[in-house]
N, C-alpha and C. Protein backbone atom coordinates (compact mmCIF):
# COMPACT_ATOMS: atom_id res chain seq x y z
N UNK A 1 107.44 105.72 120.89
CA UNK A 1 106.90 106.65 120.58
C UNK A 1 105.25 106.97 120.86
N UNK A 2 105.25 107.94 121.73
CA UNK A 2 103.71 107.95 122.20
C UNK A 2 102.63 108.75 121.70
N UNK A 3 103.01 109.33 120.85
CA UNK A 3 102.14 110.47 120.13
C UNK A 3 101.89 109.94 118.62
N UNK A 4 100.52 109.29 118.69
CA UNK A 4 99.97 109.06 117.16
C UNK A 4 99.81 110.14 116.28
N UNK A 5 99.58 111.18 116.82
CA UNK A 5 99.59 112.22 115.30
C UNK A 5 101.15 112.20 114.81
N UNK A 6 102.04 112.32 115.31
CA UNK A 6 103.36 112.54 115.31
C UNK A 6 103.50 110.93 114.32
N UNK A 7 103.61 109.88 114.77
CA UNK A 7 103.52 109.06 113.81
C UNK A 7 102.96 109.03 112.74
N UNK A 8 101.90 109.38 112.55
CA UNK A 8 101.03 109.44 111.53
C UNK A 8 101.61 110.53 110.19
N UNK A 9 101.98 111.73 110.99
CA UNK A 9 103.10 112.49 110.14
C UNK A 9 103.94 112.09 109.44
N UNK A 10 105.01 111.38 110.23
CA UNK A 10 105.99 110.73 109.75
C UNK A 10 105.74 109.60 108.49
N UNK A 11 104.64 108.77 109.08
CA UNK A 11 104.42 107.93 107.70
C UNK A 11 103.80 108.33 106.66
N UNK A 12 103.03 109.74 106.78
CA UNK A 12 102.64 110.39 105.56
C UNK A 12 104.09 110.69 104.88
N UNK A 13 104.79 111.29 105.47
CA UNK A 13 106.15 111.77 104.90
C UNK A 13 106.81 110.82 103.98
N UNK A 14 107.01 110.00 104.93
CA UNK A 14 107.24 108.43 104.37
C UNK A 14 106.80 108.15 103.14
N UNK A 15 105.24 107.81 102.92
CA UNK A 15 104.87 107.46 101.79
C UNK A 15 105.16 108.75 100.75
N UNK A 16 104.95 110.07 100.92
CA UNK A 16 105.13 111.03 100.14
C UNK A 16 106.61 111.10 99.29
N UNK A 17 107.79 110.66 100.23
CA UNK A 17 108.78 110.58 99.58
C UNK A 17 109.36 109.16 98.64
N UNK A 18 108.30 108.17 99.16
CA UNK A 18 108.82 106.75 98.34
C UNK A 18 108.15 106.85 97.42
N UNK A 19 106.52 107.57 97.03
CA UNK A 19 106.00 107.88 96.06
C UNK A 19 106.87 108.65 95.07
N UNK A 20 107.30 109.63 95.64
CA UNK A 20 107.87 110.76 94.69
C UNK A 20 109.27 110.44 94.27
N UNK A 21 109.65 109.47 94.68
CA UNK A 21 111.22 108.73 94.25
C UNK A 21 110.96 107.48 93.60
N UNK A 22 109.68 107.23 92.93
CA UNK A 22 109.79 105.74 92.46
C UNK A 22 110.52 105.86 91.19
N UNK A 23 110.93 104.76 91.04
CA UNK A 23 111.65 104.73 89.87
C UNK A 23 113.14 105.17 89.95
N UNK A 24 113.60 105.62 90.96
CA UNK A 24 114.83 106.26 91.22
C UNK A 24 115.94 105.28 90.78
N UNK A 25 115.76 103.99 90.63
CA UNK A 25 117.23 103.13 90.24
C UNK A 25 117.45 103.52 88.86
N UNK A 26 116.28 103.63 87.98
CA UNK A 26 116.64 103.96 86.63
C UNK A 26 117.38 105.27 86.36
N UNK A 27 117.08 106.15 87.15
CA UNK A 27 117.28 107.73 87.03
C UNK A 27 118.72 107.86 87.59
N UNK A 28 119.87 107.63 87.32
CA UNK A 28 120.89 107.82 87.67
C UNK A 28 121.64 109.32 87.26
N UNK A 29 120.44 110.13 86.46
CA UNK A 29 120.95 111.38 86.05
C UNK A 29 120.42 112.53 87.56
N UNK A 30 119.62 111.66 88.60
CA UNK A 30 118.73 112.56 89.25
C UNK A 30 118.89 112.06 90.72
N UNK A 31 120.13 112.73 91.24
CA UNK A 31 120.67 112.51 92.71
C UNK A 31 119.43 112.84 93.61
N UNK A 32 118.66 113.85 93.71
CA UNK A 32 117.76 114.20 94.40
C UNK A 32 117.00 113.16 94.52
N UNK A 33 116.32 112.34 93.56
CA UNK A 33 115.49 111.04 93.83
C UNK A 33 116.25 110.32 94.61
N UNK A 34 117.18 110.00 94.16
CA UNK A 34 118.19 108.88 95.13
C UNK A 34 118.49 109.50 96.52
N UNK A 35 118.58 110.61 96.72
CA UNK A 35 118.94 111.35 98.09
C UNK A 35 117.42 110.91 98.65
N UNK A 36 116.04 111.37 98.10
CA UNK A 36 114.86 111.41 99.00
C UNK A 36 114.56 109.64 98.81
N UNK A 37 115.10 109.02 98.09
CA UNK A 37 114.59 107.61 98.56
C UNK A 37 115.38 107.00 99.53
N UNK A 38 116.75 107.39 99.47
CA UNK A 38 117.35 107.23 100.91
C UNK A 38 116.87 107.58 102.24
N UNK A 39 116.53 108.93 101.89
CA UNK A 39 116.02 109.75 103.14
C UNK A 39 114.58 108.81 103.60
N UNK A 40 113.70 108.30 102.83
CA UNK A 40 112.98 107.07 103.15
C UNK A 40 112.93 106.11 103.89
N UNK A 41 113.92 105.47 103.13
CA UNK A 41 114.56 104.04 103.75
C UNK A 41 115.06 104.38 104.90
N UNK A 42 115.54 105.64 105.25
CA UNK A 42 116.39 105.78 106.71
C UNK A 42 115.45 105.93 107.88
N UNK A 43 114.16 106.70 107.29
CA UNK A 43 112.96 106.94 108.34
C UNK A 43 112.45 105.40 108.62
N UNK A 44 112.33 104.44 107.69
CA UNK A 44 111.55 103.35 107.70
C UNK A 44 112.44 102.61 108.52
N UNK A 45 113.75 102.69 108.63
CA UNK A 45 114.73 102.14 109.48
C UNK A 45 114.77 102.14 111.14
N UNK A 46 114.75 103.41 110.89
CA UNK A 46 114.27 104.08 112.49
C UNK A 46 112.92 103.95 113.06
N UNK A 47 112.27 104.07 112.10
CA UNK A 47 110.69 103.65 112.86
C UNK A 47 110.75 102.21 113.41
N UNK A 48 111.38 101.01 112.38
CA UNK A 48 110.94 99.68 112.22
C UNK A 48 111.91 99.65 113.83
N UNK A 49 113.29 100.24 113.97
CA UNK A 49 113.81 100.08 115.10
C UNK A 49 112.90 100.68 116.51
N UNK A 50 112.34 101.75 116.29
CA UNK A 50 111.94 102.14 117.27
C UNK A 50 110.20 101.14 117.92
N UNK A 51 109.87 100.35 117.14
CA UNK A 51 108.95 99.17 117.29
C UNK A 51 107.90 99.81 116.32
N UNK A 52 107.88 100.51 115.13
CA UNK A 52 106.75 100.46 114.37
C UNK A 52 106.97 100.05 113.25
N UNK A 53 107.55 98.79 112.82
CA UNK A 53 107.62 98.17 111.95
C UNK A 53 106.51 97.71 111.02
N UNK A 54 105.49 96.96 111.93
CA UNK A 54 104.22 97.10 111.36
C UNK A 54 103.42 97.88 110.53
N UNK A 55 103.60 99.08 110.99
CA UNK A 55 102.69 100.77 110.67
C UNK A 55 103.68 100.78 109.15
N UNK A 56 105.07 100.68 109.48
CA UNK A 56 105.90 100.93 108.08
C UNK A 56 105.14 100.12 107.27
N UNK A 57 105.40 98.68 107.55
CA UNK A 57 104.93 97.68 106.34
C UNK A 57 103.75 98.07 105.58
N UNK A 58 102.95 98.41 106.42
CA UNK A 58 101.78 98.62 105.96
C UNK A 58 101.55 99.93 105.29
N UNK A 59 102.42 100.81 105.20
CA UNK A 59 102.57 102.17 104.61
C UNK A 59 103.52 101.75 103.51
N UNK A 60 104.56 101.25 103.41
CA UNK A 60 105.42 101.15 102.00
C UNK A 60 106.02 99.73 102.07
N UNK A 61 106.23 99.79 100.92
CA UNK A 61 106.74 98.10 100.34
C UNK A 61 108.05 98.19 100.63
N UNK A 62 108.89 97.04 100.92
CA UNK A 62 109.96 96.64 101.07
C UNK A 62 110.80 97.47 99.80
N UNK A 63 112.04 98.36 100.18
CA UNK A 63 112.75 98.60 98.80
C UNK A 63 114.21 97.46 98.82
N UNK A 64 114.46 97.91 97.48
CA UNK A 64 115.59 96.65 97.06
C UNK A 64 117.06 97.46 97.54
N UNK A 65 116.93 97.64 98.83
CA UNK A 65 118.20 98.30 98.96
C UNK A 65 119.52 97.79 98.93
N UNK A 66 119.70 96.48 98.69
CA UNK A 66 120.95 96.12 98.05
C UNK A 66 121.55 96.71 96.51
N UNK A 67 120.43 96.73 95.73
CA UNK A 67 120.71 97.68 94.32
C UNK A 67 121.19 99.02 94.42
N UNK A 68 120.36 100.07 95.38
CA UNK A 68 121.00 101.08 95.73
C UNK A 68 122.31 101.17 96.45
N UNK A 69 122.47 100.38 97.31
CA UNK A 69 124.01 100.10 98.21
C UNK A 69 125.05 99.88 97.22
N UNK A 70 125.04 98.96 95.83
CA UNK A 70 125.79 98.70 95.02
C UNK A 70 126.59 99.96 94.38
N UNK A 71 125.74 100.94 94.44
CA UNK A 71 126.16 102.01 93.67
C UNK A 71 126.54 103.42 94.69
N UNK A 72 126.85 102.72 95.65
CA UNK A 72 127.31 104.07 96.72
C UNK A 72 128.62 104.34 96.52
N UNK A 73 129.37 103.93 95.51
CA UNK A 73 130.53 104.87 95.27
C UNK A 73 130.52 106.03 94.05
N UNK A 74 129.23 105.63 93.38
CA UNK A 74 128.71 106.95 92.27
C UNK A 74 128.22 107.97 93.04
N UNK A 75 128.19 109.28 92.52
CA UNK A 75 127.70 110.32 92.68
C UNK A 75 126.01 110.07 93.49
N UNK A 76 125.65 109.31 92.44
CA UNK A 76 123.65 109.18 93.01
C UNK A 76 123.88 108.22 94.24
N UNK A 77 124.65 107.26 94.24
CA UNK A 77 124.70 106.23 95.37
C UNK A 77 125.16 106.91 96.45
N UNK A 78 126.09 108.16 96.66
CA UNK A 78 126.44 108.77 97.79
C UNK A 78 125.12 109.44 98.03
N UNK A 79 124.36 110.00 97.46
CA UNK A 79 123.39 111.08 97.42
C UNK A 79 122.21 110.31 98.39
N UNK A 80 122.07 108.77 98.05
CA UNK A 80 121.41 108.20 98.72
C UNK A 80 121.82 107.78 100.10
N UNK A 81 123.13 107.22 100.31
CA UNK A 81 123.54 107.17 101.57
C UNK A 81 123.66 107.94 102.30
N UNK A 82 123.67 109.19 102.02
CA UNK A 82 123.48 110.37 102.67
C UNK A 82 122.15 110.79 102.97
N UNK A 83 121.41 110.46 102.11
CA UNK A 83 119.43 110.45 102.52
C UNK A 83 119.40 109.43 103.45
N UNK A 84 119.92 108.46 103.45
CA UNK A 84 119.31 107.26 104.44
C UNK A 84 119.94 107.82 105.58
N UNK A 85 121.34 108.19 105.95
CA UNK A 85 121.70 108.53 107.14
C UNK A 85 120.76 109.69 108.01
N UNK A 86 120.76 110.59 107.06
CA UNK A 86 119.58 111.93 107.54
C UNK A 86 118.33 111.42 107.84
N UNK A 87 117.75 110.65 106.98
CA UNK A 87 116.42 110.32 107.09
C UNK A 87 116.36 109.26 108.64
N UNK A 88 117.40 108.48 109.20
CA UNK A 88 117.60 107.91 109.70
C UNK A 88 117.45 108.57 111.52
N UNK A 89 118.86 109.63 111.23
CA UNK A 89 119.09 110.56 112.39
C UNK A 89 117.83 111.36 112.59
N UNK A 90 117.32 112.05 111.55
CA UNK A 90 116.36 113.20 111.82
C UNK A 90 115.16 112.95 112.45
N UNK A 91 114.95 111.28 112.07
CA UNK A 91 113.55 110.49 112.42
C UNK A 91 113.83 110.28 114.13
N UNK A 92 114.76 110.04 114.28
CA UNK A 92 115.27 109.66 115.79
C UNK A 92 115.37 110.96 116.65
N UNK A 93 115.60 111.99 115.96
CA UNK A 93 115.56 113.56 116.41
C UNK A 93 114.23 113.90 117.06
N UNK A 94 113.45 113.56 115.75
CA UNK A 94 112.22 114.42 115.93
C UNK A 94 111.36 113.67 117.13
N UNK A 95 111.50 112.52 117.03
CA UNK A 95 110.65 111.21 118.12
C UNK A 95 111.27 111.59 119.25
N UNK A 96 112.59 111.94 119.84
CA UNK A 96 112.96 112.11 120.91
C UNK A 96 113.36 113.52 121.59
N UNK A 97 112.77 114.12 120.40
CA UNK A 97 112.57 115.74 121.12
C UNK A 97 111.31 116.36 121.92
């Protein structure tokens, strides 16, 4: 990605989603929090794969993905997985547009 403005926008969104979904693991009643956290983690995965892992690490702390993945058969876990898939896919789409 050669556009530093785009990277900064994506990192701001990543920060916002991560902060807004803080505590999602304790909120099984709120699938939207789980989706948002999954989306943020999908974004982080895509940005890391695109060579921006250092910027991601400076922006957000690593997330306990294993705990969320253990919930994937439940409604909130499905929301997380869907969010993760969409966050990763849409990050690639935005970067390659």
